[in-house]
C-alpha atoms as a PDB file:
ATOM      1  CA  ASP A   1      16.869 -30.620  20.116  1.00  0.00           C
ATOM      2  CA  SER A   2      13.439 -29.033  21.190  1.00  0.00           C
ATOM      3  CA  ILE A   3      14.817 -27.098  24.175  1.00  0.00           C
ATOM      4  CA  TRP A   4      15.885 -23.385  23.651  1.00  0.00           C
ATOM      5  CA  ASP A   5      19.410 -22.270  24.738  1.00  0.00           C
ATOM      6  CA  TYR A   6      18.437 -18.705  24.943  1.00  0.00           C
ATOM      7  CA  ARG A   7      15.169 -16.940  25.701  1.00  0.00           C
ATOM      8  CA  PHE A   8      14.496 -13.239  25.163  1.00  0.00           C
ATOM      9  CA  GLU A   9      11.364 -11.275  26.259  1.00  0.00           C
ATOM     10  CA  GLY A  10      10.234  -7.836  26.217  1.00  0.00           C
ATOM     11  CA  SER A  11       9.909  -5.656  29.063  1.00  0.00           C
ATOM     12  CA  GLY A  12       6.201  -5.066  29.390  1.00  0.00           C
ATOM     13  CA  PHE A  13       2.622  -6.255  28.633  1.00  0.00           C
ATOM     14  CA  GLY A  14       1.414  -5.670  24.978  1.00  0.00           C
ATOM     15  CA  GLU A  15       5.004  -5.505  23.345  1.00  0.00           C
ATOM     16  CA  ASP A  16       5.745  -7.073  20.037  1.00  0.00           C
ATOM     17  CA  PHE A  17       9.067  -8.026  20.894  1.00  0.00           C
ATOM     18  CA  GLY A  18      10.408 -10.690  18.352  1.00  0.00           C
ATOM     19  CA  TYR A  19       7.984  -9.469  15.636  1.00  0.00           C
ATOM     20  CA  ALA A  20      10.975  -9.567  13.129  1.00  0.00           C
ATOM     21  CA  ILE A  21      14.258 -11.162  13.217  1.00  0.00           C
ATOM     22  CA  ASP A  22      17.143 -11.410  10.823  1.00  0.00           C
ATOM     23  CA  ILE A  23      20.604 -12.937  11.051  1.00  0.00           C
ATOM     24  CA  ILE A  24      22.957 -10.254   9.415  1.00  0.00           C
ATOM     25  CA  GLY A  25      26.416 -11.654   9.678  1.00  0.00           C
ATOM     26  CA  ASP A  26      29.467 -10.688  11.687  1.00  0.00           C
ATOM     27  CA  VAL A  27      28.823  -6.931  12.244  1.00  0.00           C
ATOM     28  CA  ASN A  28      31.693  -6.257  14.805  1.00  0.00           C
ATOM     29  CA  GLN A  29      34.076  -8.607  12.952  1.00  0.00           C
ATOM     30  CA  ASP A  30      34.663 -10.858  16.118  1.00  0.00           C
ATOM     31  CA  SER A  31      34.061 -14.199  14.064  1.00  0.00           C
ATOM     32  CA  TYR A  32      30.561 -14.543  15.402  1.00  0.00           C
ATOM     33  CA  ASP A  33      27.466 -13.906  13.589  1.00  0.00           C
ATOM     34  CA  ASP A  34      24.978 -11.230  14.906  1.00  0.00           C
ATOM     35  CA  PHE A  35      21.242 -10.680  14.447  1.00  0.00           C
ATOM     36  CA  LEU A  36      18.536  -8.099  14.793  1.00  0.00           C
ATOM     37  CA  ILE A  37      15.273  -8.390  16.755  1.00  0.00           C
ATOM     38  CA  GLY A  38      12.343  -5.868  16.203  1.00  0.00           C
ATOM     39  CA  ASN A  39      10.050  -4.694  18.988  1.00  0.00           C
ATOM     40  CA  PRO A  40       7.614  -2.419  16.838  1.00  0.00           C
ATOM     41  CA  GLN A  41       4.859  -1.695  19.285  1.00  0.00           C
ATOM     42  CA  LEU A  42       5.062  -1.172  23.070  1.00  0.00           C
ATOM     43  CA  ASP A  43       1.257  -1.310  23.997  1.00  0.00           C
ATOM     44  CA  GLY A  44       0.783   1.900  21.952  1.00  0.00           C
ATOM     45  CA  GLN A  45       2.811   3.900  24.213  1.00  0.00           C
ATOM     46  CA  LEU A  46       6.077   4.192  22.367  1.00  0.00           C
ATOM     47  CA  ALA A  47       7.258   4.248  18.817  1.00  0.00           C
ATOM     48  CA  GLY A  48       8.927   0.841  18.945  1.00  0.00           C
ATOM     49  CA  LYS A  49      12.731  -0.157  18.951  1.00  0.00           C
ATOM     50  CA  ALA A  50      15.122  -2.873  17.714  1.00  0.00           C
ATOM     51  CA  PHE A  51      17.884  -4.602  19.026  1.00  0.00           C
ATOM     52  CA  LEU A  52      21.141  -5.689  17.559  1.00  0.00           C
ATOM     53  CA  PHE A  53      22.500  -8.755  19.498  1.00  0.00           C
ATOM     54  CA  PHE A  54      26.314  -9.720  19.127  1.00  0.00           C
ATOM     55  CA  GLY A  55      26.923 -13.381  18.903  1.00  0.00           C
ATOM     56  CA  GLY A  56      29.531 -14.956  21.142  1.00  0.00           C
ATOM     57  CA  THR A  57      29.874 -17.620  23.935  1.00  0.00           C
ATOM     58  CA  SER A  58      27.052 -15.647  25.809  1.00  0.00           C
ATOM     59  CA  ILE A  59      24.138 -13.874  24.252  1.00  0.00           C
ATOM     60  CA  SER A  60      22.290 -11.151  26.344  1.00  0.00           C
ATOM     61  CA  PHE A  61      20.747  -7.919  26.274  1.00  0.00           C
ATOM     62  CA  GLN A  62      24.023  -6.646  28.010  1.00  0.00           C
ATOM     63  CA  ASN A  63      25.774  -7.469  24.760  1.00  0.00           C
ATOM     64  CA  SER A  64      23.478  -5.673  22.402  1.00  0.00           C
ATOM     65  CA  ILE A  65      22.742  -2.310  21.041  1.00  0.00           C
ATOM     66  CA  GLN A  66      19.299  -0.730  21.270  1.00  0.00           C
ATOM     67  CA  PHE A  67      17.910   1.589  18.128  1.00  0.00           C
ATOM     68  CA  ASN A  68      15.021   3.726  18.827  1.00  0.00           C
ATOM     69  CA  SER A  69      12.765   5.700  16.475  1.00  0.00           C
ATOM     70  CA  ASN A  70      13.480   9.192  15.606  1.00  0.00           C
ATOM     71  CA  TYR A  71       9.904  10.143  16.040  1.00  0.00           C
ATOM     72  CA  GLY A  72       6.872   9.708  18.341  1.00  0.00           C
ATOM     73  CA  GLN A  73       3.660   7.834  18.361  1.00  0.00           C
ATOM     74  CA  GLU A  74       2.659   9.135  14.873  1.00  0.00           C
ATOM     75  CA  TYR A  75       5.397   7.007  13.272  1.00  0.00           C
ATOM     76  CA  GLU A  76       4.670   3.815  15.664  1.00  0.00           C
ATOM     77  CA  GLY A  77       6.111   0.538  14.252  1.00  0.00           C
ATOM     78  CA  PHE A  78       9.885   1.162  14.246  1.00  0.00           C
ATOM     79  CA  GLY A  79      11.413  -2.324  14.104  1.00  0.00           C
ATOM     80  CA  ARG A  80       8.539  -3.993  12.095  1.00  0.00           C
ATOM     81  CA  TYR A  81      10.826  -4.451   9.080  1.00  0.00           C
ATOM     82  CA  LEU A  82      14.622  -5.087   9.231  1.00  0.00           C
ATOM     83  CA  VAL A  83      17.254  -6.778   7.318  1.00  0.00           C
ATOM     84  CA  GLY A  84      21.021  -7.137   6.944  1.00  0.00           C
ATOM     85  CA  LEU A  85      22.149  -5.515   3.645  1.00  0.00           C
ATOM     86  CA  GLY A  86      25.730  -6.772   3.405  1.00  0.00           C
ATOM     87  CA  ASP A  87      28.247  -4.038   2.601  1.00  0.00           C
ATOM     88  CA  ILE A  88      26.379  -1.212   0.515  1.00  0.00           C
ATOM     89  CA  ASN A  89      29.038   1.449   0.983  1.00  0.00           C
ATOM     90  CA  GLY A  90      32.068  -0.625   0.180  1.00  0.00           C
ATOM     91  CA  ASP A  91      33.907   0.177   3.696  1.00  0.00           C
ATOM     92  CA  GLY A  92      34.299  -3.745   4.524  1.00  0.00           C
ATOM     93  CA  HIS A  93      31.533  -3.537   7.314  1.00  0.00           C
ATOM     94  CA  ILE A  94      28.112  -5.090   7.316  1.00  0.00           C
ATOM     95  CA  ASP A  95      25.266  -2.664   7.000  1.00  0.00           C
ATOM     96  CA  PHE A  96      21.520  -3.049   7.998  1.00  0.00           C
ATOM     97  CA  GLY A  97      18.261  -1.304   7.801  1.00  0.00           C
ATOM     98  CA  ILE A  98      15.409  -0.845  10.455  1.00  0.00           C
ATOM     99  CA  CYS A  99      12.002   0.517   9.222  1.00  0.00           C
ATOM    100  CA  GLY A 100       9.112   2.174  10.848  1.00  0.00           C
ATOM    101  CA  GLU A 101       5.626   2.691   9.531  1.00  0.00           C
ATOM    102  CA  GLY A 102       6.665   5.681   7.329  1.00  0.00           C
ATOM    103  CA  TYR A 103      10.344   5.870   7.174  1.00  0.00           C
ATOM    104  CA  ALA A 104      13.572   3.786   7.023  1.00  0.00           C
ATOM    105  CA  ASN A 105      16.946   4.186   8.709  1.00  0.00           C
ATOM    106  CA  ILE A 106      20.073   2.637   7.182  1.00  0.00           C
ATOM    107  CA  TYR A 107      22.875   1.961   9.719  1.00  0.00           C
ATOM    108  CA  PHE A 108      26.411   1.488   8.553  1.00  0.00           C
ATOM    109  CA  GLY A 109      28.743  -1.035  10.415  1.00  0.00           C
ATOM    110  CA  ASP A 110      31.542   1.166  10.980  1.00  0.00           C
ATOM    111  CA  SER A 111      29.463   3.879  13.057  1.00  0.00           C
ATOM    112  CA  LEU A 112      26.702   1.809  14.977  1.00  0.00           C
ATOM    113  CA  GLY A 113      25.810   4.804  17.065  1.00  0.00           C
ATOM    114  CA  GLN A 114      24.807   6.970  13.892  1.00  0.00           C
ATOM    115  CA  ASN A 115      22.270   6.292  11.197  1.00  0.00           C
ATOM    116  CA  TYR A 116      21.629   7.410   7.763  1.00  0.00           C
ATOM    117  CA  SER A 117      18.058   8.128   6.775  1.00  0.00           C
ATOM    118  CA  VAL A 118      17.608   7.158   3.188  1.00  0.00           C
ATOM    119  CA  GLU A 119      14.162   8.638   2.782  1.00  0.00           C
ATOM    120  CA  GLU A 120      11.440  10.064   5.008  1.00  0.00           C
ATOM    121  CA  ILE A 121       8.081   8.988   3.571  1.00  0.00           C
ATOM    122  CA  PRO A 122       4.689  10.673   4.995  1.00  0.00           C
ATOM    123  CA  ALA A 123       3.018   8.737   7.598  1.00  0.00           C
ATOM    124  CA  GLU A 124       0.069   7.784   5.437  1.00  0.00           C
ATOM    125  CA  ARG A 125       2.343   5.937   3.034  1.00  0.00           C
ATOM    126  CA  ASN A 126       3.574   3.059   5.194  1.00  0.00           C
ATOM    127  CA  ILE A 127       6.811   1.088   4.808  1.00  0.00           C
ATOM    128  CA  GLY A 128       5.718  -2.401   3.428  1.00  0.00           C
ATOM    129  CA  GLY A 129       9.094  -3.898   3.583  1.00  0.00           C
ATOM    130  CA  ILE A 130      12.949  -3.757   3.003  1.00  0.00           C
ATOM    131  CA  SER A 131      14.762  -6.195   1.046  1.00  0.00           C
ATOM    132  CA  SER A 132      18.387  -7.108   0.381  1.00  0.00           C
ATOM    133  CA  LEU A 133      19.024  -7.612  -3.220  1.00  0.00           C
ATOM    134  CA  SER A 134      22.740  -8.410  -3.519  1.00  0.00           C
ATOM    135  CA  ASP A 135      24.583  -6.545  -6.171  1.00  0.00           C
ATOM    136  CA  LEU A 136      22.180  -5.971  -8.987  1.00  0.00           C
ATOM    137  CA  ASN A 137      24.231  -3.670 -11.160  1.00  0.00           C
ATOM    138  CA  GLU A 138      27.597  -5.622 -10.492  1.00  0.00           C
ATOM    139  CA  ASP A 139      29.439  -2.628  -9.283  1.00  0.00           C
ATOM    140  CA  CYS A 140      30.702  -4.483  -6.181  1.00  0.00           C
ATOM    141  CA  TYR A 141      28.300  -2.761  -3.658  1.00  0.00           C
ATOM    142  CA  ASN A 142      25.208  -4.433  -2.343  1.00  0.00           C
ATOM    143  CA  ASP A 143      21.742  -2.955  -3.204  1.00  0.00           C
ATOM    144  CA  PHE A 144      18.547  -2.941  -1.565  1.00  0.00           C
ATOM    145  CA  SER A 145      14.982  -2.016  -2.049  1.00  0.00           C
ATOM    146  CA  LEU A 146      12.196   0.027   0.040  1.00  0.00           C
ATOM    147  CA  THR A 147       8.531  -0.680  -0.627  1.00  0.00           C
ATOM    148  CA  ASP A 148       5.508   1.500   0.365  1.00  0.00           C
ATOM    149  CA  TYR A 149       3.019   1.824  -2.457  1.00  0.00           C
ATOM    150  CA  GLU A 150       5.780   1.657  -5.016  1.00  0.00           C
ATOM    151  CA  THR A 151       9.273   0.018  -4.955  1.00  0.00           C
ATOM    152  CA  LYS A 152      12.492   2.082  -5.093  1.00  0.00           C
ATOM    153  CA  ILE A 153      15.742   0.201  -5.537  1.00  0.00           C
ATOM    154  CA  TYR A 154      18.738   1.894  -4.029  1.00  0.00           C
ATOM    155  CA  PHE A 155      22.193   1.075  -5.601  1.00  0.00           C
ATOM    156  CA  GLY A 156      25.047   0.827  -3.057  1.00  0.00           C
ATOM    157  CA  GLY A 157      27.941   3.106  -3.252  1.00  0.00           C
ATOM    158  CA  ASN A 158      29.731   6.192  -1.548  1.00  0.00           C
ATOM    159  CA  SER A 159      26.324   7.847  -2.001  1.00  0.00           C
ATOM    160  CA  LEU A 160      23.138   6.041  -2.367  1.00  0.00           C
ATOM    161  CA  GLU A 161      21.039   6.932  -5.474  1.00  0.00           C
ATOM    162  CA  ASN A 162      17.563   5.415  -6.139  1.00  0.00           C
ATOM    163  CA  PHE A 163      15.964   3.910  -9.166  1.00  0.00           C
ATOM    164  CA  GLN A 164      12.257   3.658  -9.315  1.00  0.00           C
ATOM    165  CA  THR A 165      11.196   0.437 -10.881  1.00  0.00           C
ATOM    166  CA  ASP A 166       7.930   1.639 -12.686  1.00  0.00           C
ATOM    167  CA  SER A 167       6.006   4.714 -11.655  1.00  0.00           C
ATOM    168  CA  THR A 168       2.809   3.417 -13.347  1.00  0.00           C
ATOM    169  CA  LEU A 169       2.370   0.655 -10.886  1.00  0.00           C
ATOM    170  CA  ASP A 170       0.111   1.617  -8.052  1.00  0.00           C
ATOM    171  CA  TYR A 171       1.263  -1.115  -5.588  1.00  0.00           C
ATOM    172  CA  TRP A 172       4.144  -3.346  -4.943  1.00  0.00           C
ATOM    173  CA  GLY A 173       4.834  -6.200  -2.946  1.00  0.00           C
ATOM    174  CA  LYS A 174       8.340  -6.780  -1.323  1.00  0.00           C
ATOM    175  CA  PRO A 175      10.794  -7.664  -4.060  1.00  0.00           C
ATOM    176  CA  GLU A 176      12.772 -10.905  -3.718  1.00  0.00           C
ATOM    177  CA  PRO A 177      16.001 -11.733  -5.499  1.00  0.00           C
ATOM    178  CA  LEU A 178      15.815 -14.750  -7.951  1.00  0.00           C
ATOM    179  CA  GLY A 179      19.456 -15.263  -8.911  1.00  0.00           C
ATOM    180  CA  ASP A 180      20.086 -15.813 -12.592  1.00  0.00           C
ATOM    181  CA  ILE A 181      17.065 -17.550 -13.842  1.00  0.00           C
ATOM    182  CA  ASN A 182      17.422 -17.187 -17.466  1.00  0.00           C
ATOM    183  CA  GLY A 183      21.139 -17.918 -17.672  1.00  0.00           C
ATOM    184  CA  ASP A 184      22.306 -14.572 -18.995  1.00  0.00           C
ATOM    185  CA  GLY A 185      24.650 -13.915 -16.199  1.00  0.00           C
ATOM    186  CA  LYS A 186      22.508 -11.109 -14.984  1.00  0.00           C
ATOM    187  CA  PRO A 187      20.519 -11.129 -11.723  1.00  0.00           C
ATOM    188  CA  GLU A 188      16.521 -10.968 -11.730  1.00  0.00           C
ATOM    189  CA  ILE A 189      14.242  -9.879  -8.904  1.00  0.00           C
ATOM    190  CA  ALA A 190      10.417 -10.449  -8.676  1.00  0.00           C
ATOM    191  CA  ALA A 191       7.725  -8.596  -7.008  1.00  0.00           C
ATOM    192  CA  ILE A 192       3.784  -8.794  -6.833  1.00  0.00           C
ATOM    193  CA  CYS A 193       2.023  -5.662  -8.179  1.00  0.00           C
ATOM    194  CA  ARG A 194      -1.286  -4.287  -8.910  1.00  0.00           C
ATOM    195  CA  ARG A 195      -2.482  -2.289 -12.033  1.00  0.00           C
ATOM    196  CA  ASN A 196      -6.048  -1.441 -12.520  1.00  0.00           C
ATOM    197  CA  GLU A 197      -7.167  -3.825  -9.707  1.00  0.00           C
ATOM    198  CA  ARG A 198      -5.529  -6.663 -11.472  1.00  0.00           C
ATOM    199  CA  TYR A 199      -2.542  -8.464  -9.735  1.00  0.00           C
ATOM    200  CA  GLN A 200       0.554  -9.358 -11.611  1.00  0.00           C
ATOM    201  CA  LEU A 201       3.956 -11.101 -10.856  1.00  0.00           C
ATOM    202  CA  ALA A 202       6.646  -8.761 -12.224  1.00  0.00           C
ATOM    203  CA  ILE A 203      10.051 -10.196 -13.023  1.00  0.00           C
ATOM    204  CA  TYR A 204      12.806  -7.749 -13.803  1.00  0.00           C
ATOM    205  CA  SER A 205      16.101  -8.712 -15.493  1.00  0.00           C
ATOM    206  CA  PHE A 206      18.958  -6.225 -14.868  1.00  0.00           C
ATOM    207  CA  GLY A 207      21.318  -5.673 -17.926  1.00  0.00           C
ATOM    208  CA  GLU A 208      23.539  -2.946 -18.445  1.00  0.00           C
ATOM    209  CA  PHE A 209      20.930  -0.394 -17.168  1.00  0.00           C
ATOM    210  CA  SER A 210      20.227   1.125 -20.707  1.00  0.00           C
ATOM    211  CA  GLY A 211      16.963  -0.267 -19.996  1.00  0.00           C
ATOM    212  CA  ILE A 212      15.185  -2.971 -18.011  1.00  0.00           C
ATOM    213  CA  ASP A 213      13.320  -5.979 -19.485  1.00  0.00           C
ATOM    214  CA  SER A 214      10.027  -7.015 -17.859  1.00  0.00           C
ATOM    215  CA  GLU A 215       7.540  -9.685 -18.213  1.00  0.00           C
ATOM    216  CA  SER A 216       4.284 -10.032 -16.266  1.00  0.00           C
ATOM    217  CA  GLU A 217       2.009 -12.771 -15.776  1.00  0.00           C
ATOM    218  CA  GLN A 218      -1.431 -12.584 -14.093  1.00  0.00           C
ATOM    219  CA  ILE A 219      -1.892 -14.637 -11.158  1.00  0.00           C
ATOM    220  CA  THR A 220      -4.547 -15.333  -8.591  1.00  0.00           C
ATOM    221  CA  ILE A 221      -4.106 -13.468  -5.219  1.00  0.00           C
ATOM    222  CA  ALA A 222      -6.013 -13.529  -1.969  1.00  0.00           C
ATOM    223  CA  PRO A 223      -7.825 -10.647  -0.463  1.00  0.00           C
ATOM    224  CA  LEU A 224      -5.526  -8.370   1.587  1.00  0.00           C
ATOM    225  CA  LEU A 225      -6.190  -6.698   4.959  1.00  0.00           C
ATOM    226  CA  LYS A 226      -4.009  -3.611   5.399  1.00  0.00           C
ATOM    227  CA  PRO A 227      -2.725  -1.900   8.587  1.00  0.00           C
ATOM    228  CA  ALA A 228      -5.472   0.199  10.274  1.00  0.00           C
ATOM    229  CA  TYR A 229      -4.737   3.978  10.305  1.00  0.00           C
ATOM    230  CA  PRO A 230      -4.272   5.665  12.687  1.00  0.00           C
ATOM    231  CA  ASN A 231      -2.974   2.952  14.958  1.00  0.00           C
ATOM    232  CA  PRO A 232      -3.172   3.478  18.043  1.00  0.00           C
ATOM    233  CA  PHE A 233      -6.423   5.508  17.571  1.00  0.00           C
ATOM    234  CA  ASN A 234      -8.874   7.829  19.217  1.00  0.00           C
ATOM    235  CA  PRO A 235     -11.629   8.069  18.737  1.00  0.00           C
ATOM    236  CA  SER A 236     -11.712   6.161  15.438  1.00  0.00           C
ATOM    237  CA  THR A 237      -9.584   4.193  12.853  1.00  0.00           C
ATOM    238  CA  GLN A 238      -9.860   3.226   9.193  1.00  0.00           C
ATOM    239  CA  ILE A 239      -9.522  -0.470   8.270  1.00  0.00           C
ATOM    240  CA  VAL A 240      -8.609  -0.852   4.663  1.00  0.00           C
ATOM    241  CA  PHE A 241      -8.853  -4.129   2.658  1.00  0.00           C
ATOM    242  CA  GLU A 242      -8.560  -5.211  -0.909  1.00  0.00           C
ATOM    243  CA  VAL A 243     -10.538  -7.770  -2.863  1.00  0.00           C
ATOM    244  CA  PRO A 244      -9.183  -9.181  -6.114  1.00  0.00           C
ATOM    245  CA  GLN A 245     -12.624 -10.764  -7.103  1.00  0.00           C
ATOM    246  CA  THR A 246     -16.089 -10.536  -6.095  1.00  0.00           C
ATOM    247  CA  GLU A 247     -16.298 -12.060  -2.452  1.00  0.00           C
ATOM    248  CA  THR A 248     -18.473 -12.055   0.553  1.00  0.00           C
ATOM    249  CA  VAL A 249     -16.431 -10.088   2.980  1.00  0.00           C
ATOM    250  CA  SER A 250     -16.957  -9.754   6.742  1.00  0.00           C
ATOM    251  CA  ILE A 251     -14.760  -7.646   9.124  1.00  0.00           C
ATOM    252  CA  THR A 252     -15.104  -8.346  12.840  1.00  0.00           C
ATOM    253  CA  ILE A 253     -13.479  -6.954  15.878  1.00  0.00           C
ATOM    254  CA  TYR A 254     -12.286  -9.119  18.901  1.00  0.00           C
ATOM    255  CA  ASN A 255     -10.742  -8.377  22.309  1.00  0.00           C
ATOM    256  CA  LEU A 256      -7.501  -9.967  23.706  1.00  0.00           C
ATOM    257  CA  ARG A 257      -9.802 -12.820  25.085  1.00  0.00           C
ATOM    258  CA  GLY A 258     -11.064 -13.756  21.618  1.00  0.00           C
ATOM    259  CA  GLN A 259     -14.474 -12.456  22.429  1.00  0.00           C
ATOM    260  CA  LEU A 260     -16.370 -10.705  19.525  1.00  0.00           C
ATOM    261  CA  VAL A 261     -16.699  -7.145  20.000  1.00  0.00           C
ATOM    262  CA  THR A 262     -18.675  -6.132  16.919  1.00  0.00           C
ATOM    263  CA  GLY A 263     -19.046  -6.880  13.264  1.00  0.00           C
ATOM    264  CA  LEU A 264     -18.493  -3.936  10.959  1.00  0.00           C
ATOM    265  CA  VAL A 265     -19.336  -5.452   7.615  1.00  0.00           C
ATOM    266  CA  ASN A 266     -20.670  -8.669   6.154  1.00  0.00           C
ATOM    267  CA  ARG A 267     -21.667  -8.374   2.442  1.00  0.00           C
ATOM    268  CA  ASP A 268     -20.458  -8.780  -1.126  1.00  0.00           C
ATOM    269  CA  TYR A 269     -17.748  -6.587  -2.686  1.00  0.00           C
ATOM    270  CA  PRO A 270     -16.740  -6.478  -6.277  1.00  0.00           C
ATOM    271  CA  PRO A 271     -12.788  -6.258  -6.964  1.00  0.00           C
ATOM    272  CA  GLY A 272     -11.347  -3.078  -5.546  1.00  0.00           C
ATOM    273  CA  THR A 273      -9.851  -1.362  -2.419  1.00  0.00           C
ATOM    274  CA  TYR A 274     -12.282  -0.494   0.397  1.00  0.00           C
ATOM    275  CA  SER A 275     -12.246   1.159   3.769  1.00  0.00           C
ATOM    276  CA  VAL A 276     -14.469   0.755   6.835  1.00  0.00           C
ATOM    277  CA  GLN A 277     -14.424   2.744  10.084  1.00  0.00           C
ATOM    278  CA  TRP A 278     -14.438   1.595  13.634  1.00  0.00           C
ATOM    279  CA  ASP A 279     -15.304   4.076  16.275  1.00  0.00           C
ATOM    280  CA  GLY A 280     -14.441   2.068  19.318  1.00  0.00           C
ATOM    281  CA  ARG A 281     -17.865   1.037  20.083  1.00  0.00           C
ATOM    282  CA  ASP A 282     -19.200  -2.532  20.659  1.00  0.00           C
ATOM    283  CA  ASP A 283     -22.226  -4.089  18.987  1.00  0.00           C
ATOM    284  CA  THR A 284     -24.677  -2.629  21.755  1.00  0.00           C
ATOM    285  CA  GLY A 285     -23.201   0.974  20.793  1.00  0.00           C
ATOM    286  CA  LYS A 286     -21.195   1.168  24.172  1.00  0.00           C
ATOM    287  CA  SER A 287     -17.745   2.602  24.040  1.00  0.00           C
ATOM    288  CA  ALA A 288     -15.164  -0.391  24.408  1.00  0.00           C
ATOM    289  CA  ALA A 289     -12.418  -0.245  26.867  1.00  0.00           C
ATOM    290  CA  ALA A 290      -9.128   1.038  26.069  1.00  0.00           C
ATOM    291  CA  GLY A 291      -6.591  -1.537  25.076  1.00  0.00           C
ATOM    292  CA  THR A 292      -5.491  -4.009  22.276  1.00  0.00           C
ATOM    293  CA  TYR A 293      -8.027  -5.335  19.781  1.00  0.00           C
ATOM    294  CA  PHE A 294      -7.884  -7.632  16.743  1.00  0.00           C
ATOM    295  CA  TYR A 295      -9.692  -6.886  13.516  1.00  0.00           C
ATOM    296  CA  LYS A 296     -10.440  -9.870  11.258  1.00  0.00           C
ATOM    297  CA  LEU A 297     -11.093 -10.204   7.471  1.00  0.00           C
ATOM    298  CA  ASP A 298     -12.962 -13.361   6.344  1.00  0.00           C
ATOM    299  CA  ALA A 299     -13.620 -13.841   2.715  1.00  0.00           C
ATOM    300  CA  GLY A 300     -14.593 -17.396   1.480  1.00  0.00           C
ATOM    301  CA  ASP A 301     -11.784 -19.684   2.658  1.00  0.00           C
ATOM    302  CA  PHE A 302      -9.395 -16.818   3.154  1.00  0.00           C
ATOM    303  CA  SER A 303      -8.979 -15.252   6.783  1.00  0.00           C
ATOM    304  CA  GLN A 304      -6.380 -12.608   7.966  1.00  0.00           C
ATOM    305  CA  THR A 305      -6.108 -10.785  11.407  1.00  0.00           C
ATOM    306  CA  ARG A 306      -4.134  -7.613  12.491  1.00  0.00           C
ATOM    307  CA  LYS A 307      -3.744  -5.773  15.730  1.00  0.00           C
ATOM    308  CA  MET A 308      -4.625  -2.359  16.647  1.00  0.00           C
ATOM    309  CA  VAL A 309      -4.687  -0.289  20.038  1.00  0.00           C
ATOM    310  CA  TYR A 310      -7.581   1.870  21.220  1.00  0.00           C
ATOM    311  CA  LEU A 311      -6.460   4.904  23.536  1.00  0.00           C
ATOM    312  CA  LYS A 312      -8.595   6.988  25.728  1.00  0.00           C
END
């Protein structure tokens, strides 16, 4: 039916509660599936958080566990990416991952009050996703990947070792499992990457790990508007965008009411990565009020919008 059975809301204005959600299986082994909900931004005042809701005859915040960032505002965005990982350490419990802008925490299902930090990445290298990839190397442990400006695959086990897919690739999209698409009995994964400003779809087939066979095919990709940094910001922030082919690009700023605050650029760009600064001023030169703003990229028929917070 079209009527909700449960409704969950954040606790304050400007929250991103519900930004990410993933059903991760039966973590507490009570025969009910459980799920994660992310709340990566709290009006620019906190570092974000995530909740693990336990399934049952009644679902509520009282029957959940809250996970908080290990850091302050510098690492805002905790809970933006989250995923169930299956059993990556072979203890019979479901594990899961929750990411902030520049780091990831892996939680093991047998000790929910603790976390294992897989890798701490500098804040300027934002996490772009975490993926569950099943058991790629067929060792009976589930595997997963983390993506910032490259992708690392982590093979499950008693201790996690990592394998970097290709250090010559300067950008990776979030990998996705493909199953066995070539009938060789081995799993494949796919990810979109960029080399020398050209976009490719890379397919990796996992054999005995004496090597990895890859095939790449150029595909058409739309422009990309990246997260502003810093965000929240004061007094200024950088807005980064990518253009895969020559396009007329405009970057505009809007307030929460949808009113135009200012336009930053409106001109032709050749293929490449670019950055433009916003100093918190409107089109008359006056300082804008503190609060949440949207920045929008328009290029031909393509449009993308992201959110940022201006502090004073």
